[in-house]
């Protein structure tokens, strides 16, 4: 249960520190300690995407634009992700949900959270 609490805390941190225009990508400088919380901001330009890793579990938050889908898949592969425990779509704007199609088709996802099922973008 502690891992879930850490992932939820990381999600709240990621959501509170980023905005729709946020960009950037973090790369680990050294191998993280076992069970360490890692937050990766995936550089998808003017869109949003973040990967959270902790205790062998992974959470993808948003996927950028449709054109960013393969970039997000490549980033997940570079980080050694082989499945997603959680996928979070914060809202249905194209610059958040658009790039999730690639990761969702390439990686099994245990839980997917999205606020709406339809939107006009």
N, C-alpha and C. Protein backbone atom coordinates (compact mmCIF):
# COMPACT_ATOMS: atom_id res chain seq x y z
N UNK A 1 0.82 -1.19 0.00
CA UNK A 1 0.00 0.00 0.00
C UNK A 1 0.86 1.25 0.00
N UNK A 2 2.04 1.19 0.58
CA UNK A 2 2.94 2.35 0.63
C UNK A 2 3.32 2.81 -0.78
N UNK A 3 3.51 1.87 -1.70
CA UNK A 3 3.86 2.22 -3.08
C UNK A 3 2.72 3.01 -3.72
N UNK A 4 1.50 2.58 -3.50
CA UNK A 4 0.34 3.29 -4.05
C UNK A 4 0.28 4.70 -3.49
N UNK A 5 0.50 4.84 -2.19
CA UNK A 5 0.49 6.17 -1.57
C UNK A 5 1.57 7.06 -2.19
N UNK A 6 2.77 6.50 -2.44
CA UNK A 6 3.84 7.27 -3.07
C UNK A 6 3.45 7.68 -4.48
N UNK A 7 2.82 6.79 -5.23
CA UNK A 7 2.40 7.12 -6.60
C UNK A 7 1.35 8.22 -6.60
N UNK A 8 0.41 8.15 -5.68
CA UNK A 8 -0.62 9.19 -5.61
C UNK A 8 0.02 10.51 -5.22
N UNK A 9 0.94 10.50 -4.28
CA UNK A 9 1.63 11.72 -3.89
C UNK A 9 2.40 12.30 -5.08
N UNK A 10 3.07 11.44 -5.83
CA UNK A 10 3.82 11.90 -6.99
C UNK A 10 2.88 12.48 -8.05
N UNK A 11 1.72 11.87 -8.23
CA UNK A 11 0.73 12.39 -9.18
C UNK A 11 0.29 13.78 -8.76
N UNK A 12 0.00 13.95 -7.50
CA UNK A 12 -0.42 15.27 -7.02
C UNK A 12 0.70 16.29 -7.19
N UNK A 13 1.93 15.88 -6.92
CA UNK A 13 3.07 16.77 -7.10
C UNK A 13 3.22 17.15 -8.57
N UNK A 14 3.12 16.17 -9.45
CA UNK A 14 3.26 16.45 -10.89
C UNK A 14 2.17 17.38 -11.37
N UNK A 15 0.95 17.16 -10.93
CA UNK A 15 -0.15 18.01 -11.37
C UNK A 15 -0.04 19.41 -10.81
N UNK A 16 0.50 19.55 -9.62
CA UNK A 16 0.58 20.88 -9.01
C UNK A 16 1.77 21.68 -9.51
N UNK A 17 2.76 21.03 -10.13
CA UNK A 17 3.95 21.76 -10.56
C UNK A 17 4.03 21.94 -12.07
N UNK A 18 3.06 21.43 -12.83
CA UNK A 18 3.10 21.59 -14.28
C UNK A 18 1.86 22.32 -14.74
N UNK A 19 1.98 22.92 -15.90
CA UNK A 19 0.84 23.58 -16.55
C UNK A 19 0.76 23.06 -17.97
N UNK A 20 -0.27 23.42 -18.70
CA UNK A 20 -0.45 22.93 -20.06
C UNK A 20 0.75 23.23 -20.95
N UNK A 21 1.45 24.30 -20.72
CA UNK A 21 2.58 24.67 -21.56
C UNK A 21 3.90 24.12 -21.08
N UNK A 22 3.92 23.31 -20.04
CA UNK A 22 5.16 22.82 -19.48
C UNK A 22 5.91 21.90 -20.41
N UNK A 23 7.24 21.96 -20.35
CA UNK A 23 8.03 21.04 -21.13
C UNK A 23 9.30 20.74 -20.38
N UNK A 24 9.97 19.71 -20.80
CA UNK A 24 11.22 19.33 -20.16
C UNK A 24 11.30 17.83 -20.04
N UNK A 25 12.51 17.35 -19.86
CA UNK A 25 12.73 15.92 -19.77
C UNK A 25 13.82 15.70 -18.75
N UNK A 26 13.57 14.81 -17.82
CA UNK A 26 14.61 14.53 -16.85
C UNK A 26 15.26 13.21 -17.20
N UNK A 27 16.54 13.13 -16.99
CA UNK A 27 17.27 11.89 -17.20
C UNK A 27 18.00 11.59 -15.90
N UNK A 28 17.88 10.37 -15.41
CA UNK A 28 18.55 10.05 -14.15
C UNK A 28 20.06 10.17 -14.29
N UNK A 29 20.71 10.78 -13.30
CA UNK A 29 22.16 10.94 -13.34
C UNK A 29 22.86 9.71 -12.78
N UNK A 30 22.19 8.94 -11.97
CA UNK A 30 22.73 7.71 -11.41
C UNK A 30 21.58 6.75 -11.18
N UNK A 31 21.91 5.49 -11.04
CA UNK A 31 20.87 4.50 -10.80
C UNK A 31 20.16 4.82 -9.49
N UNK A 32 18.82 4.89 -9.52
CA UNK A 32 18.09 5.21 -8.29
C UNK A 32 18.14 4.06 -7.30
N UNK A 33 18.00 4.39 -6.03
CA UNK A 33 17.95 3.37 -5.00
C UNK A 33 16.68 2.54 -5.16
N UNK A 34 16.74 1.28 -4.75
CA UNK A 34 15.57 0.41 -4.82
C UNK A 34 14.39 1.04 -4.10
N UNK A 35 13.27 1.16 -4.78
CA UNK A 35 12.08 1.73 -4.19
C UNK A 35 12.05 3.25 -4.22
N UNK A 36 13.08 3.88 -4.82
CA UNK A 36 13.11 5.34 -4.89
C UNK A 36 12.03 5.83 -5.85
N UNK A 37 11.50 6.99 -5.56
CA UNK A 37 10.50 7.61 -6.40
C UNK A 37 11.19 8.43 -7.48
N UNK A 38 10.87 8.13 -8.75
CA UNK A 38 11.42 8.87 -9.88
C UNK A 38 10.28 9.54 -10.62
N UNK A 39 10.44 10.81 -10.95
CA UNK A 39 9.47 11.53 -11.77
C UNK A 39 10.20 12.02 -13.01
N UNK A 40 9.75 11.58 -14.17
CA UNK A 40 10.34 11.96 -15.46
C UNK A 40 9.35 12.83 -16.20
N UNK A 41 9.76 14.03 -16.56
CA UNK A 41 8.93 14.89 -17.41
C UNK A 41 9.39 14.66 -18.84
N UNK A 42 8.52 14.07 -19.63
CA UNK A 42 8.87 13.70 -21.00
C UNK A 42 8.70 14.93 -21.89
N UNK A 43 9.73 15.27 -22.66
CA UNK A 43 9.71 16.47 -23.50
C UNK A 43 8.83 16.24 -24.72
N UNK A 44 7.60 16.68 -24.63
CA UNK A 44 6.65 16.60 -25.74
C UNK A 44 6.26 18.01 -26.19
N UNK A 45 7.22 18.92 -26.14
CA UNK A 45 6.99 20.28 -26.61
C UNK A 45 5.98 21.03 -25.76
N UNK A 46 4.98 21.62 -26.40
CA UNK A 46 3.99 22.42 -25.70
C UNK A 46 2.88 21.58 -25.06
N UNK A 47 3.04 20.28 -25.04
CA UNK A 47 2.05 19.38 -24.45
C UNK A 47 2.60 18.85 -23.12
N UNK A 48 1.89 17.91 -22.50
CA UNK A 48 2.30 17.35 -21.21
C UNK A 48 2.38 15.83 -21.25
N UNK A 49 3.40 15.31 -20.57
CA UNK A 49 3.53 13.88 -20.37
C UNK A 49 4.57 13.65 -19.27
N UNK A 50 4.25 12.75 -18.34
CA UNK A 50 5.17 12.45 -17.25
C UNK A 50 5.11 10.95 -16.95
N UNK A 51 6.25 10.42 -16.55
CA UNK A 51 6.37 9.03 -16.15
C UNK A 51 6.83 8.99 -14.70
N UNK A 52 6.12 8.23 -13.88
CA UNK A 52 6.49 8.07 -12.48
C UNK A 52 6.83 6.60 -12.26
N UNK A 53 7.99 6.37 -11.67
CA UNK A 53 8.44 5.01 -11.36
C UNK A 53 8.71 4.92 -9.87
N UNK A 54 8.25 3.83 -9.25
CA UNK A 54 8.49 3.64 -7.82
C UNK A 54 8.26 2.18 -7.46
N UNK A 55 9.24 1.57 -6.85
CA UNK A 55 9.09 0.22 -6.35
C UNK A 55 8.65 -0.80 -7.38
N UNK A 56 9.12 -0.66 -8.61
CA UNK A 56 8.75 -1.60 -9.67
C UNK A 56 7.43 -1.30 -10.34
N UNK A 57 6.75 -0.24 -9.91
CA UNK A 57 5.49 0.14 -10.54
C UNK A 57 5.70 1.39 -11.38
N UNK A 58 4.81 1.56 -12.37
CA UNK A 58 4.94 2.71 -13.27
C UNK A 58 3.59 3.38 -13.47
N UNK A 59 3.66 4.70 -13.64
CA UNK A 59 2.46 5.49 -13.91
C UNK A 59 2.79 6.48 -15.03
N UNK A 60 2.00 6.46 -16.08
CA UNK A 60 2.13 7.44 -17.16
C UNK A 60 1.00 8.45 -17.01
N UNK A 61 1.36 9.73 -16.94
CA UNK A 61 0.37 10.79 -16.83
C UNK A 61 0.39 11.57 -18.13
N UNK A 62 -0.67 11.51 -18.87
CA UNK A 62 -0.82 12.18 -20.16
C UNK A 62 0.21 11.67 -21.17
N UNK A 63 -0.04 11.98 -22.44
CA UNK A 63 0.84 11.47 -23.49
C UNK A 63 1.20 12.48 -24.55
N UNK A 64 0.93 13.76 -24.29
CA UNK A 64 1.23 14.76 -25.29
C UNK A 64 0.24 14.72 -26.44
N UNK A 65 0.63 15.29 -27.57
CA UNK A 65 -0.21 15.32 -28.77
C UNK A 65 -0.15 13.99 -29.52
N UNK A 66 -1.03 13.81 -30.47
CA UNK A 66 -1.04 12.60 -31.30
C UNK A 66 0.35 12.37 -31.89
N UNK A 67 0.98 13.42 -32.39
CA UNK A 67 2.30 13.29 -33.01
C UNK A 67 3.39 12.87 -32.02
N UNK A 68 3.13 12.95 -30.73
CA UNK A 68 4.12 12.59 -29.70
C UNK A 68 4.03 11.13 -29.28
N UNK A 69 3.07 10.41 -29.80
CA UNK A 69 2.81 9.04 -29.37
C UNK A 69 4.04 8.14 -29.46
N UNK A 70 4.72 8.13 -30.60
CA UNK A 70 5.88 7.26 -30.77
C UNK A 70 7.05 7.73 -29.90
N UNK A 71 7.17 9.03 -29.67
CA UNK A 71 8.21 9.56 -28.79
C UNK A 71 8.00 9.04 -27.36
N UNK A 72 6.76 9.05 -26.90
CA UNK A 72 6.45 8.56 -25.55
C UNK A 72 6.75 7.07 -25.45
N UNK A 73 6.38 6.30 -26.47
CA UNK A 73 6.67 4.86 -26.49
C UNK A 73 8.18 4.64 -26.41
N UNK A 74 8.94 5.38 -27.19
CA UNK A 74 10.41 5.26 -27.17
C UNK A 74 10.98 5.61 -25.81
N UNK A 75 10.45 6.65 -25.19
CA UNK A 75 10.93 7.05 -23.87
C UNK A 75 10.66 5.95 -22.84
N UNK A 76 9.47 5.38 -22.89
CA UNK A 76 9.15 4.28 -21.97
C UNK A 76 10.10 3.11 -22.17
N UNK A 77 10.38 2.77 -23.43
CA UNK A 77 11.31 1.68 -23.73
C UNK A 77 12.70 2.00 -23.19
N UNK A 78 13.16 3.24 -23.37
CA UNK A 78 14.48 3.64 -22.88
C UNK A 78 14.58 3.53 -21.36
N UNK A 79 13.46 3.68 -20.67
CA UNK A 79 13.44 3.59 -19.20
C UNK A 79 13.24 2.16 -18.72
N UNK A 80 13.11 1.22 -19.65
CA UNK A 80 12.95 -0.19 -19.28
C UNK A 80 11.54 -0.56 -18.86
N UNK A 81 10.57 0.27 -19.20
CA UNK A 81 9.17 -0.03 -18.86
C UNK A 81 8.69 -1.16 -19.76
N UNK A 82 8.08 -2.19 -19.15
CA UNK A 82 7.51 -3.27 -19.96
C UNK A 82 6.00 -3.39 -19.76
N UNK A 83 5.46 -2.67 -18.80
CA UNK A 83 4.01 -2.59 -18.60
C UNK A 83 3.73 -1.33 -17.79
N UNK A 84 2.49 -0.89 -17.85
CA UNK A 84 2.08 0.30 -17.10
C UNK A 84 1.07 -0.11 -16.04
N UNK A 85 1.37 0.20 -14.80
CA UNK A 85 0.43 -0.11 -13.73
C UNK A 85 -0.72 0.88 -13.73
N UNK A 86 -0.41 2.14 -14.05
CA UNK A 86 -1.42 3.19 -14.06
C UNK A 86 -1.20 4.10 -15.26
N UNK A 87 -2.27 4.45 -15.92
CA UNK A 87 -2.25 5.48 -16.96
C UNK A 87 -3.31 6.50 -16.56
N UNK A 88 -2.90 7.78 -16.50
CA UNK A 88 -3.80 8.84 -16.09
C UNK A 88 -3.91 9.85 -17.23
N UNK A 89 -5.12 10.10 -17.67
CA UNK A 89 -5.39 11.17 -18.62
C UNK A 89 -6.04 12.28 -17.80
N UNK A 90 -5.31 13.38 -17.59
CA UNK A 90 -5.81 14.42 -16.69
C UNK A 90 -7.06 15.10 -17.23
N UNK A 91 -7.11 15.31 -18.54
CA UNK A 91 -8.31 15.84 -19.18
C UNK A 91 -8.23 15.58 -20.67
N UNK A 92 -9.34 15.76 -21.36
CA UNK A 92 -9.46 15.29 -22.75
C UNK A 92 -8.99 16.27 -23.82
N UNK A 93 -8.14 17.22 -23.48
CA UNK A 93 -7.57 18.07 -24.53
C UNK A 93 -6.54 17.26 -25.31
N UNK A 94 -6.44 17.51 -26.60
CA UNK A 94 -5.58 16.73 -27.48
C UNK A 94 -4.13 16.73 -27.03
N UNK A 95 -3.65 17.81 -26.42
CA UNK A 95 -2.25 17.87 -26.00
C UNK A 95 -1.96 17.08 -24.72
N UNK A 96 -2.96 16.40 -24.21
CA UNK A 96 -2.79 15.51 -23.05
C UNK A 96 -3.14 14.07 -23.40
N UNK A 97 -4.25 13.87 -24.09
CA UNK A 97 -4.73 12.53 -24.39
C UNK A 97 -4.24 12.01 -25.75
N UNK A 98 -3.88 12.91 -26.65
CA UNK A 98 -3.54 12.52 -28.03
C UNK A 98 -2.46 11.46 -28.14
N UNK A 99 -1.39 11.60 -27.37
CA UNK A 99 -0.27 10.68 -27.48
C UNK A 99 -0.40 9.41 -26.67
N UNK A 100 -1.51 9.20 -26.00
CA UNK A 100 -1.68 7.98 -25.20
C UNK A 100 -1.99 6.75 -26.04
N UNK A 101 -2.38 6.93 -27.30
CA UNK A 101 -2.75 5.77 -28.12
C UNK A 101 -1.57 4.81 -28.31
N UNK A 102 -0.38 5.34 -28.54
CA UNK A 102 0.79 4.48 -28.72
C UNK A 102 1.14 3.68 -27.47
N UNK A 103 1.33 4.36 -26.33
CA UNK A 103 1.64 3.60 -25.11
C UNK A 103 0.56 2.58 -24.75
N UNK A 104 -0.72 2.95 -24.93
CA UNK A 104 -1.79 2.01 -24.58
C UNK A 104 -1.85 0.83 -25.54
N UNK A 105 -1.37 0.99 -26.76
CA UNK A 105 -1.37 -0.14 -27.69
C UNK A 105 -0.10 -0.99 -27.55
N UNK A 106 0.98 -0.41 -27.01
CA UNK A 106 2.25 -1.13 -26.89
C UNK A 106 2.47 -1.80 -25.53
N UNK A 107 1.84 -1.26 -24.50
CA UNK A 107 2.10 -1.74 -23.14
C UNK A 107 0.80 -2.14 -22.46
N UNK A 108 0.78 -3.29 -21.81
CA UNK A 108 -0.41 -3.62 -21.01
C UNK A 108 -0.57 -2.60 -19.89
N UNK A 109 -1.79 -2.17 -19.64
CA UNK A 109 -2.08 -1.20 -18.59
C UNK A 109 -3.05 -1.81 -17.59
N UNK A 110 -2.65 -1.83 -16.33
CA UNK A 110 -3.48 -2.41 -15.27
C UNK A 110 -4.69 -1.53 -14.96
N UNK A 111 -4.46 -0.22 -14.80
CA UNK A 111 -5.53 0.72 -14.46
C UNK A 111 -5.40 1.96 -15.35
N UNK A 112 -6.52 2.40 -15.92
CA UNK A 112 -6.54 3.62 -16.73
C UNK A 112 -7.59 4.55 -16.15
N UNK A 113 -7.17 5.78 -15.86
CA UNK A 113 -8.07 6.77 -15.27
C UNK A 113 -8.22 7.94 -16.24
N UNK A 114 -9.46 8.30 -16.53
CA UNK A 114 -9.75 9.43 -17.41
C UNK A 114 -11.04 10.08 -16.93
N UNK A 115 -11.11 11.41 -16.98
CA UNK A 115 -12.30 12.10 -16.45
C UNK A 115 -13.51 12.03 -17.36
N UNK A 116 -13.32 11.90 -18.66
CA UNK A 116 -14.45 11.86 -19.60
C UNK A 116 -14.15 10.83 -20.69
N UNK A 117 -15.19 10.38 -21.37
CA UNK A 117 -15.00 9.42 -22.44
C UNK A 117 -15.11 10.06 -23.82
N UNK A 118 -15.70 11.26 -23.90
CA UNK A 118 -15.83 11.96 -25.17
C UNK A 118 -15.50 13.43 -24.99
N UNK A 119 -14.92 13.99 -26.04
CA UNK A 119 -14.63 15.42 -26.04
C UNK A 119 -14.48 15.84 -27.49
N UNK A 120 -14.63 17.11 -27.79
CA UNK A 120 -14.67 17.54 -29.19
C UNK A 120 -13.32 17.92 -29.79
N UNK A 121 -12.19 17.62 -29.11
CA UNK A 121 -10.89 17.91 -29.71
C UNK A 121 -10.14 16.63 -30.02
